[in-house]
Amino acid sequence: MEWIVWLIFMIPLSALFTGVGIFAIRRKKPMWFWSGSEVKEESLTDVRAYNRANGVMWFIFSAFYWAWTVLGVFYTGIAGALVAATTLVGIPILITVYRRILKKYTLRLL
């Protein structure tokens, strides 16, 4: 029975991160990272590549959650610990990766 609760929680969570990746890739204007933040189109060298890089970042992050979703059907306790660890370690990694993406695609003035 606990695996049903696990799936009810994890499938939407995993789908949310995958959805953010899809949204980022399909977006015509620059994707943001922080709530309320904005990246000006004029400040980027390639908006499409910038958005694609953001989308890939979110796809990779969501892949861990999808893996833990499946694992949780068989080993809920282990998967729960992995979700906690992925979240705890993953968020600072996401911030670092996003900053690198932003730096890579930001116009540099001489």
N, C-alpha and C. Protein backbone atom coordinates (compact mmCIF):
# COMPACT_ATOMS: atom_id res chain seq x y z
N MET A 1 0.81 -1.20 0.00
CA MET A 1 0.00 0.00 0.00
C MET A 1 0.85 1.27 0.00
N GLU A 2 1.99 1.23 0.68
CA GLU A 2 2.80 2.45 0.74
C GLU A 2 3.35 2.84 -0.63
N TRP A 3 3.52 1.88 -1.53
CA TRP A 3 4.03 2.22 -2.86
C TRP A 3 3.02 3.03 -3.66
N ILE A 4 1.71 2.84 -3.36
CA ILE A 4 0.69 3.64 -4.04
C ILE A 4 0.81 5.11 -3.62
N VAL A 5 0.97 5.34 -2.33
CA VAL A 5 1.17 6.70 -1.83
C VAL A 5 2.45 7.27 -2.42
N TRP A 6 3.47 6.44 -2.49
CA TRP A 6 4.75 6.86 -3.08
C TRP A 6 4.54 7.35 -4.50
N LEU A 7 3.83 6.57 -5.31
CA LEU A 7 3.59 6.94 -6.71
C LEU A 7 2.72 8.19 -6.83
N ILE A 8 1.74 8.32 -5.95
CA ILE A 8 0.86 9.50 -5.97
C ILE A 8 1.68 10.77 -5.72
N PHE A 9 2.69 10.66 -4.90
CA PHE A 9 3.54 11.81 -4.60
C PHE A 9 4.63 12.01 -5.66
N MET A 10 5.30 10.93 -6.04
CA MET A 10 6.51 11.04 -6.88
C MET A 10 6.24 11.27 -8.36
N ILE A 11 5.20 10.70 -8.90
CA ILE A 11 4.93 10.89 -10.34
C ILE A 11 4.69 12.37 -10.66
N PRO A 12 3.81 13.06 -9.91
CA PRO A 12 3.66 14.49 -10.21
C PRO A 12 4.92 15.30 -9.97
N LEU A 13 5.68 14.97 -8.92
CA LEU A 13 6.92 15.69 -8.65
C LEU A 13 7.92 15.51 -9.79
N SER A 14 8.10 14.27 -10.21
CA SER A 14 9.03 13.99 -11.32
C SER A 14 8.55 14.66 -12.60
N ALA A 15 7.24 14.59 -12.85
CA ALA A 15 6.67 15.20 -14.05
C ALA A 15 6.82 16.72 -14.02
N LEU A 16 6.75 17.31 -12.83
CA LEU A 16 6.92 18.76 -12.71
C LEU A 16 8.30 19.18 -13.20
N PHE A 17 9.35 18.48 -12.75
CA PHE A 17 10.71 18.83 -13.18
C PHE A 17 10.90 18.58 -14.67
N THR A 18 10.33 17.49 -15.18
CA THR A 18 10.40 17.23 -16.62
C THR A 18 9.66 18.32 -17.38
N GLY A 19 8.51 18.72 -16.86
CA GLY A 19 7.72 19.78 -17.49
C GLY A 19 8.45 21.11 -17.53
N VAL A 20 9.21 21.42 -16.48
CA VAL A 20 10.00 22.65 -16.49
C VAL A 20 11.04 22.57 -17.61
N GLY A 21 11.64 21.40 -17.79
CA GLY A 21 12.61 21.22 -18.88
C GLY A 21 11.99 21.42 -20.25
N ILE A 22 10.81 20.84 -20.45
CA ILE A 22 10.11 20.99 -21.73
C ILE A 22 9.73 22.46 -21.94
N PHE A 23 9.22 23.09 -20.90
CA PHE A 23 8.84 24.50 -20.99
C PHE A 23 10.04 25.36 -21.35
N ALA A 24 11.18 25.09 -20.72
CA ALA A 24 12.39 25.88 -20.99
C ALA A 24 12.83 25.74 -22.44
N ILE A 25 12.82 24.53 -22.95
CA ILE A 25 13.28 24.29 -24.32
C ILE A 25 12.35 24.95 -25.34
N ARG A 26 11.06 24.91 -25.08
CA ARG A 26 10.09 25.46 -26.04
C ARG A 26 9.90 26.96 -25.92
N ARG A 27 10.37 27.53 -24.87
CA ARG A 27 10.17 28.96 -24.62
C ARG A 27 10.95 29.80 -25.64
N LYS A 28 10.31 30.84 -26.13
CA LYS A 28 10.95 31.74 -27.10
C LYS A 28 11.76 32.83 -26.41
N LYS A 29 11.29 33.28 -25.27
CA LYS A 29 12.00 34.28 -24.48
C LYS A 29 12.90 33.55 -23.49
N PRO A 30 13.89 34.23 -22.94
CA PRO A 30 14.81 33.57 -22.02
C PRO A 30 14.11 32.98 -20.79
N MET A 31 14.49 31.78 -20.46
CA MET A 31 13.97 31.09 -19.28
C MET A 31 14.61 31.68 -18.04
N TRP A 32 13.85 31.78 -16.99
CA TRP A 32 14.36 32.27 -15.72
C TRP A 32 14.68 31.08 -14.83
N PHE A 33 15.37 31.33 -13.76
CA PHE A 33 15.67 30.27 -12.79
C PHE A 33 14.99 30.55 -11.47
N TRP A 34 15.19 31.74 -10.94
CA TRP A 34 14.58 32.11 -9.67
C TRP A 34 13.18 32.66 -9.90
N SER A 35 12.31 32.42 -8.99
CA SER A 35 10.98 33.00 -9.06
C SER A 35 11.09 34.52 -9.00
N GLY A 36 10.49 35.18 -9.95
CA GLY A 36 10.52 36.63 -9.97
C GLY A 36 11.73 37.22 -10.68
N SER A 37 12.70 36.38 -11.03
CA SER A 37 13.87 36.91 -11.74
C SER A 37 13.57 36.98 -13.23
N GLU A 38 14.35 37.77 -13.92
CA GLU A 38 14.16 37.92 -15.36
C GLU A 38 15.52 38.05 -16.02
N VAL A 39 15.66 37.37 -17.15
CA VAL A 39 16.87 37.47 -17.95
C VAL A 39 16.48 38.22 -19.21
N LYS A 40 17.14 39.32 -19.48
CA LYS A 40 16.82 40.13 -20.66
C LYS A 40 17.37 39.44 -21.91
N GLU A 41 16.54 39.40 -22.92
CA GLU A 41 16.92 38.79 -24.19
C GLU A 41 18.15 39.45 -24.79
N GLU A 42 18.25 40.75 -24.62
CA GLU A 42 19.37 41.51 -25.18
C GLU A 42 20.70 41.16 -24.50
N SER A 43 20.63 40.58 -23.32
CA SER A 43 21.87 40.28 -22.59
C SER A 43 22.45 38.91 -22.94
N LEU A 44 21.76 38.15 -23.79
CA LEU A 44 22.21 36.80 -24.14
C LEU A 44 22.74 36.73 -25.57
N THR A 45 23.71 35.87 -25.78
CA THR A 45 24.26 35.68 -27.12
C THR A 45 23.36 34.79 -27.97
N ASP A 46 22.71 33.79 -27.35
CA ASP A 46 21.88 32.84 -28.09
C ASP A 46 20.77 32.35 -27.16
N VAL A 47 19.58 32.93 -27.29
CA VAL A 47 18.46 32.60 -26.41
C VAL A 47 18.07 31.13 -26.56
N ARG A 48 18.03 30.66 -27.78
CA ARG A 48 17.62 29.27 -28.01
C ARG A 48 18.57 28.27 -27.34
N ALA A 49 19.87 28.49 -27.49
CA ALA A 49 20.85 27.60 -26.86
C ALA A 49 20.80 27.73 -25.34
N TYR A 50 20.60 28.93 -24.85
CA TYR A 50 20.47 29.18 -23.42
C TYR A 50 19.28 28.41 -22.86
N ASN A 51 18.13 28.50 -23.53
CA ASN A 51 16.94 27.78 -23.08
C ASN A 51 17.12 26.27 -23.18
N ARG A 52 17.78 25.82 -24.22
CA ARG A 52 18.04 24.38 -24.38
C ARG A 52 18.91 23.88 -23.23
N ALA A 53 19.94 24.62 -22.89
CA ALA A 53 20.82 24.24 -21.79
C ALA A 53 20.04 24.18 -20.47
N ASN A 54 19.15 25.14 -20.26
CA ASN A 54 18.29 25.11 -19.08
C ASN A 54 17.40 23.87 -19.08
N GLY A 55 16.82 23.58 -20.22
CA GLY A 55 15.95 22.40 -20.32
C GLY A 55 16.69 21.12 -20.04
N VAL A 56 17.88 20.98 -20.59
CA VAL A 56 18.69 19.78 -20.34
C VAL A 56 19.03 19.67 -18.86
N MET A 57 19.35 20.78 -18.24
CA MET A 57 19.64 20.78 -16.80
C MET A 57 18.45 20.20 -16.02
N TRP A 58 17.25 20.65 -16.35
CA TRP A 58 16.06 20.16 -15.65
C TRP A 58 15.74 18.71 -16.00
N PHE A 59 15.99 18.29 -17.25
CA PHE A 59 15.78 16.89 -17.62
C PHE A 59 16.69 15.96 -16.81
N ILE A 60 17.93 16.35 -16.66
CA ILE A 60 18.87 15.53 -15.89
C ILE A 60 18.42 15.47 -14.44
N PHE A 61 18.03 16.60 -13.89
CA PHE A 61 17.54 16.62 -12.51
C PHE A 61 16.32 15.72 -12.36
N SER A 62 15.39 15.81 -13.29
CA SER A 62 14.17 15.00 -13.20
C SER A 62 14.45 13.52 -13.41
N ALA A 63 15.49 13.18 -14.14
CA ALA A 63 15.81 11.76 -14.37
C ALA A 63 16.10 11.04 -13.05
N PHE A 64 16.74 11.73 -12.13
CA PHE A 64 16.98 11.13 -10.81
C PHE A 64 15.65 10.84 -10.11
N TYR A 65 14.73 11.78 -10.17
CA TYR A 65 13.44 11.59 -9.52
C TYR A 65 12.64 10.48 -10.17
N TRP A 66 12.71 10.35 -11.49
CA TRP A 66 12.03 9.24 -12.16
C TRP A 66 12.64 7.90 -11.73
N ALA A 67 13.96 7.86 -11.63
CA ALA A 67 14.62 6.62 -11.19
C ALA A 67 14.20 6.27 -9.76
N TRP A 68 14.16 7.28 -8.89
CA TRP A 68 13.76 7.01 -7.50
C TRP A 68 12.28 6.65 -7.42
N THR A 69 11.47 7.16 -8.33
CA THR A 69 10.05 6.80 -8.38
C THR A 69 9.90 5.31 -8.62
N VAL A 70 10.62 4.80 -9.60
CA VAL A 70 10.55 3.36 -9.91
C VAL A 70 11.13 2.54 -8.77
N LEU A 71 12.27 2.96 -8.26
CA LEU A 71 12.91 2.24 -7.16
C LEU A 71 11.99 2.18 -5.94
N GLY A 72 11.25 3.27 -5.70
CA GLY A 72 10.36 3.34 -4.54
C GLY A 72 9.24 2.33 -4.55
N VAL A 73 8.87 1.83 -5.70
CA VAL A 73 7.85 0.78 -5.77
C VAL A 73 8.35 -0.48 -5.06
N PHE A 74 9.64 -0.72 -5.14
CA PHE A 74 10.23 -1.92 -4.56
C PHE A 74 10.90 -1.67 -3.21
N TYR A 75 11.55 -0.53 -3.06
CA TYR A 75 12.30 -0.19 -1.85
C TYR A 75 12.00 1.26 -1.46
N THR A 76 10.86 1.47 -0.84
CA THR A 76 10.41 2.82 -0.54
C THR A 76 11.37 3.57 0.38
N GLY A 77 11.86 2.90 1.40
CA GLY A 77 12.76 3.56 2.35
C GLY A 77 14.04 4.04 1.71
N ILE A 78 14.65 3.19 0.90
CA ILE A 78 15.89 3.57 0.21
C ILE A 78 15.62 4.71 -0.77
N ALA A 79 14.54 4.58 -1.52
CA ALA A 79 14.20 5.62 -2.51
C ALA A 79 13.90 6.95 -1.82
N GLY A 80 13.24 6.90 -0.67
CA GLY A 80 12.95 8.12 0.07
C GLY A 80 14.23 8.82 0.50
N ALA A 81 15.20 8.03 0.96
CA ALA A 81 16.49 8.61 1.36
C ALA A 81 17.20 9.20 0.16
N LEU A 82 17.09 8.54 -0.99
CA LEU A 82 17.73 9.06 -2.20
C LEU A 82 17.06 10.34 -2.69
N VAL A 83 15.75 10.41 -2.55
CA VAL A 83 15.04 11.65 -2.92
C VAL A 83 15.51 12.79 -2.03
N ALA A 84 15.61 12.53 -0.73
CA ALA A 84 16.07 13.57 0.20
C ALA A 84 17.49 14.00 -0.14
N ALA A 85 18.36 13.03 -0.42
CA ALA A 85 19.76 13.35 -0.75
C ALA A 85 19.84 14.10 -2.07
N THR A 86 19.06 13.67 -3.05
CA THR A 86 19.06 14.33 -4.36
C THR A 86 18.59 15.77 -4.22
N THR A 87 17.59 15.99 -3.41
CA THR A 87 17.08 17.34 -3.21
C THR A 87 18.10 18.20 -2.47
N LEU A 88 18.66 17.66 -1.40
CA LEU A 88 19.61 18.40 -0.58
C LEU A 88 20.87 18.76 -1.36
N VAL A 89 21.39 17.83 -2.12
CA VAL A 89 22.61 18.06 -2.90
C VAL A 89 22.28 18.68 -4.26
N GLY A 90 21.15 18.29 -4.83
CA GLY A 90 20.80 18.71 -6.18
C GLY A 90 20.49 20.19 -6.33
N ILE A 91 19.86 20.78 -5.33
CA ILE A 91 19.51 22.20 -5.46
C ILE A 91 20.76 23.08 -5.55
N PRO A 92 21.76 22.90 -4.69
CA PRO A 92 22.98 23.70 -4.88
C PRO A 92 23.67 23.41 -6.22
N ILE A 93 23.59 22.17 -6.66
CA ILE A 93 24.17 21.84 -7.97
C ILE A 93 23.41 22.56 -9.08
N LEU A 94 22.07 22.57 -8.99
CA LEU A 94 21.27 23.29 -9.99
C LEU A 94 21.66 24.76 -10.03
N ILE A 95 21.84 25.36 -8.89
CA ILE A 95 22.22 26.78 -8.83
C ILE A 95 23.57 26.99 -9.51
N THR A 96 24.52 26.11 -9.22
CA THR A 96 25.86 26.22 -9.83
C THR A 96 25.79 26.03 -11.34
N VAL A 97 25.08 25.01 -11.77
CA VAL A 97 24.97 24.75 -13.22
C VAL A 97 24.26 25.92 -13.91
N TYR A 98 23.19 26.43 -13.30
CA TYR A 98 22.50 27.55 -13.91
C TYR A 98 23.41 28.77 -14.05
N ARG A 99 24.18 29.05 -13.02
CA ARG A 99 25.11 30.19 -13.10
C ARG A 99 26.11 30.00 -14.23
N ARG A 100 26.56 28.79 -14.44
CA ARG A 100 27.49 28.51 -15.55
C ARG A 100 26.80 28.71 -16.90
N ILE A 101 25.56 28.25 -16.99
CA ILE A 101 24.79 28.45 -18.23
C ILE A 101 24.63 29.94 -18.50
N LEU A 102 24.22 30.68 -17.49
CA LEU A 102 24.02 32.12 -17.64
C LEU A 102 25.32 32.80 -18.06
N LYS A 103 26.41 32.44 -17.41
CA LYS A 103 27.72 33.02 -17.74
C LYS A 103 28.11 32.69 -19.18
N LYS A 104 27.86 31.46 -19.61
CA LYS A 104 28.24 31.03 -20.95
C LYS A 104 27.50 31.81 -22.03
N TYR A 105 26.24 32.13 -21.79
CA TYR A 105 25.43 32.76 -22.83
C TYR A 105 25.19 34.26 -22.62
N THR A 106 25.83 34.85 -21.62
CA THR A 106 25.70 36.29 -21.40
C THR A 106 26.70 37.03 -22.28
N LEU A 107 26.21 38.11 -22.88
CA LEU A 107 27.10 38.94 -23.71
C LEU A 107 28.20 39.52 -22.85
N ARG A 108 29.38 39.52 -23.38
CA ARG A 108 30.52 40.11 -22.67
C ARG A 108 30.93 41.39 -23.40
N LEU A 109 30.89 42.47 -22.69
CA LEU A 109 31.29 43.75 -23.26
C LEU A 109 32.76 43.97 -22.99
N LEU A 110 33.43 44.51 -23.96
CA LEU A 110 34.89 44.76 -23.81
C LEU A 110 35.15 45.98 -22.98
